[in-house]
Amino acid sequence: MITIIQYKTVNVDGLDVFYREAGDPSKPAFVLLHGFPSSSSMFRNLMPLLARDFHVLAPDLIGFGNSAAPSRESFEYTFENLTKNVAGF
């Protein structure tokens, strides 16, 4: 069975967050968060395996991959702010 991975963007507190999505939304959600410096592309081979049993979401954190990369003057790149953005996602 071929798993389709969708590429989407959602706005969280004024910032565009890119994410990959696979699997049935009625199944339990499984959120894959990447490490620094990386993007959700690191999960491209894992997502089809997990999508059999889960609704898989893999966002690019702010400043990484295809998500917004605001200037340091307009966004303070702290773990707290990144956490708030992921929670909003």
C-alpha atoms as a PDB file:
ATOM      1  CA  MET A   1       0.000   0.000   0.000  1.00  0.00           C
ATOM      2  CA  ILE A   2       1.310   3.424  -0.945  1.00  0.00           C
ATOM      3  CA  THR A   3       1.162   6.065   1.771  1.00  0.00           C
ATOM      4  CA  ILE A   4       0.511   9.600   0.619  1.00  0.00           C
ATOM      5  CA  ILE A   5       2.374  12.288   2.508  1.00  0.00           C
ATOM      6  CA  GLN A   6       0.707  15.676   2.272  1.00  0.00           C
ATOM      7  CA  TYR A   7       2.606  18.948   2.549  1.00  0.00           C
ATOM      8  CA  LYS A   8       0.731  21.719   4.325  1.00  0.00           C
ATOM      9  CA  THR A   9       1.171  25.037   6.107  1.00  0.00           C
ATOM     10  CA  VAL A  10      -0.740  26.391   9.083  1.00  0.00           C
ATOM     11  CA  ASN A  11      -0.488  29.850  10.645  1.00  0.00           C
ATOM     12  CA  VAL A  12       0.418  29.816  14.345  1.00  0.00           C
ATOM     13  CA  ASP A  13       0.464  33.218  16.052  1.00  0.00           C
ATOM     14  CA  GLY A  14       1.229  34.994  12.787  1.00  0.00           C
ATOM     15  CA  LEU A  15       3.982  32.583  11.670  1.00  0.00           C
ATOM     16  CA  ASP A  16       3.609  29.984   8.921  1.00  0.00           C
ATOM     17  CA  VAL A  17       4.480  26.480  10.097  1.00  0.00           C
ATOM     18  CA  PHE A  18       5.126  23.947   7.345  1.00  0.00           C
ATOM     19  CA  TYR A  19       4.332  20.318   8.128  1.00  0.00           C
ATOM     20  CA  ARG A  20       4.098  16.874   6.597  1.00  0.00           C
ATOM     21  CA  GLU A  21       1.010  14.800   7.291  1.00  0.00           C
ATOM     22  CA  ALA A  22       0.198  11.131   6.660  1.00  0.00           C
ATOM     23  CA  GLY A  23      -2.270   8.545   7.861  1.00  0.00           C
ATOM     24  CA  ASP A  24      -5.894   8.510   8.907  1.00  0.00           C
ATOM     25  CA  PRO A  25      -6.932  11.539  11.028  1.00  0.00           C
ATOM     26  CA  SER A  26      -9.335   9.309  12.977  1.00  0.00           C
ATOM     27  CA  LYS A  27      -6.381   7.328  14.369  1.00  0.00           C
ATOM     28  CA  PRO A  28      -4.254   8.491  17.319  1.00  0.00           C
ATOM     29  CA  ALA A  29      -1.971  11.401  16.494  1.00  0.00           C
ATOM     30  CA  PHE A  30       1.797  10.904  16.460  1.00  0.00           C
ATOM     31  CA  VAL A  31       3.812  14.150  16.278  1.00  0.00           C
ATOM     32  CA  LEU A  32       7.434  13.892  15.125  1.00  0.00           C
ATOM     33  CA  LEU A  33       9.659  16.774  16.222  1.00  0.00           C
ATOM     34  CA  HIS A  34      13.075  17.102  14.641  1.00  0.00           C
ATOM     35  CA  GLY A  35      16.310  18.142  16.316  1.00  0.00           C
ATOM     36  CA  PHE A  36      18.501  21.098  15.481  1.00  0.00           C
ATOM     37  CA  PRO A  37      19.424  21.928  12.757  1.00  0.00           C
ATOM     38  CA  SER A  38      17.080  19.884  10.658  1.00  0.00           C
ATOM     39  CA  SER A  39      13.577  19.683   9.241  1.00  0.00           C
ATOM     40  CA  SER A  40      10.695  17.271   8.927  1.00  0.00           C
ATOM     41  CA  SER A  41      12.354  15.813   5.827  1.00  0.00           C
ATOM     42  CA  MET A  42      14.382  13.601   8.152  1.00  0.00           C
ATOM     43  CA  PHE A  43      11.168  11.620   8.780  1.00  0.00           C
ATOM     44  CA  ARG A  44      10.264  11.050   5.106  1.00  0.00           C
ATOM     45  CA  ASN A  45      11.031   7.308   5.300  1.00  0.00           C
ATOM     46  CA  LEU A  46       9.599   6.777   8.796  1.00  0.00           C
ATOM     47  CA  MET A  47       6.229   8.451   8.207  1.00  0.00           C
ATOM     48  CA  PRO A  48       4.835   5.802   5.818  1.00  0.00           C
ATOM     49  CA  LEU A  49       5.613   3.081   8.365  1.00  0.00           C
ATOM     50  CA  LEU A  50       3.869   4.920  11.215  1.00  0.00           C
ATOM     51  CA  ALA A  51       0.943   6.021   9.032  1.00  0.00           C
ATOM     52  CA  ARG A  52      -0.443   2.488   9.038  1.00  0.00           C
ATOM     53  CA  ASP A  53      -1.443   2.892  12.705  1.00  0.00           C
ATOM     54  CA  PHE A  54      -1.313   6.642  13.397  1.00  0.00           C
ATOM     55  CA  HIS A  55      -2.175  10.087  12.078  1.00  0.00           C
ATOM     56  CA  VAL A  56       1.401  11.325  11.665  1.00  0.00           C
ATOM     57  CA  LEU A  57       2.344  15.018  11.774  1.00  0.00           C
ATOM     58  CA  ALA A  58       5.881  16.329  11.336  1.00  0.00           C
ATOM     59  CA  PRO A  59       6.233  20.112  11.568  1.00  0.00           C
ATOM     60  CA  ASP A  60       9.279  22.168  10.690  1.00  0.00           C
ATOM     61  CA  LEU A  61      10.107  24.336  13.688  1.00  0.00           C
ATOM     62  CA  ILE A  62      10.183  28.100  13.212  1.00  0.00           C
ATOM     63  CA  GLY A  63      13.455  29.047  11.549  1.00  0.00           C
ATOM     64  CA  PHE A  64      13.960  25.589  10.043  1.00  0.00           C
ATOM     65  CA  GLY A  65      12.977  23.808   6.824  1.00  0.00           C
ATOM     66  CA  ASN A  66      10.023  25.414   5.059  1.00  0.00           C
ATOM     67  CA  SER A  67       8.541  27.201   8.086  1.00  0.00           C
ATOM     68  CA  ALA A  68       8.783  30.948   8.588  1.00  0.00           C
ATOM     69  CA  ALA A  69      12.176  32.305   9.588  1.00  0.00           C
ATOM     70  CA  PRO A  70      11.496  35.696  11.175  1.00  0.00           C
ATOM     71  CA  SER A  71      14.354  38.015  12.050  1.00  0.00           C
ATOM     72  CA  ARG A  72      15.813  37.855  15.542  1.00  0.00           C
ATOM     73  CA  GLU A  73      14.406  41.328  16.101  1.00  0.00           C
ATOM     74  CA  SER A  74      10.832  40.114  15.565  1.00  0.00           C
ATOM     75  CA  PHE A  75      11.090  36.635  17.129  1.00  0.00           C
ATOM     76  CA  GLU A  76      13.196  35.575  20.091  1.00  0.00           C
ATOM     77  CA  TYR A  77      14.595  32.122  19.267  1.00  0.00           C
ATOM     78  CA  THR A  78      14.350  30.508  22.684  1.00  0.00           C
ATOM     79  CA  PHE A  79      13.240  27.014  23.634  1.00  0.00           C
ATOM     80  CA  GLU A  80      10.283  28.604  25.418  1.00  0.00           C
ATOM     81  CA  ASN A  81       9.093  30.403  22.264  1.00  0.00           C
ATOM     82  CA  LEU A  82       9.658  27.335  20.084  1.00  0.00           C
ATOM     83  CA  THR A  83       7.675  25.298  22.616  1.00  0.00           C
ATOM     84  CA  LYS A  84       4.814  27.820  22.496  1.00  0.00           C
ATOM     85  CA  ASN A  85       4.808  27.604  18.712  1.00  0.00           C
ATOM     86  CA  VAL A  86       4.709  23.783  18.742  1.00  0.00           C
ATOM     87  CA  ALA A  87       1.915  23.857  21.343  1.00  0.00           C
ATOM     88  CA  GLY A  88      -0.043  26.194  19.059  1.00  0.00           C
ATOM     89  CA  PHE A  89       0.541  23.854  16.179  1.00  0.00           C
END
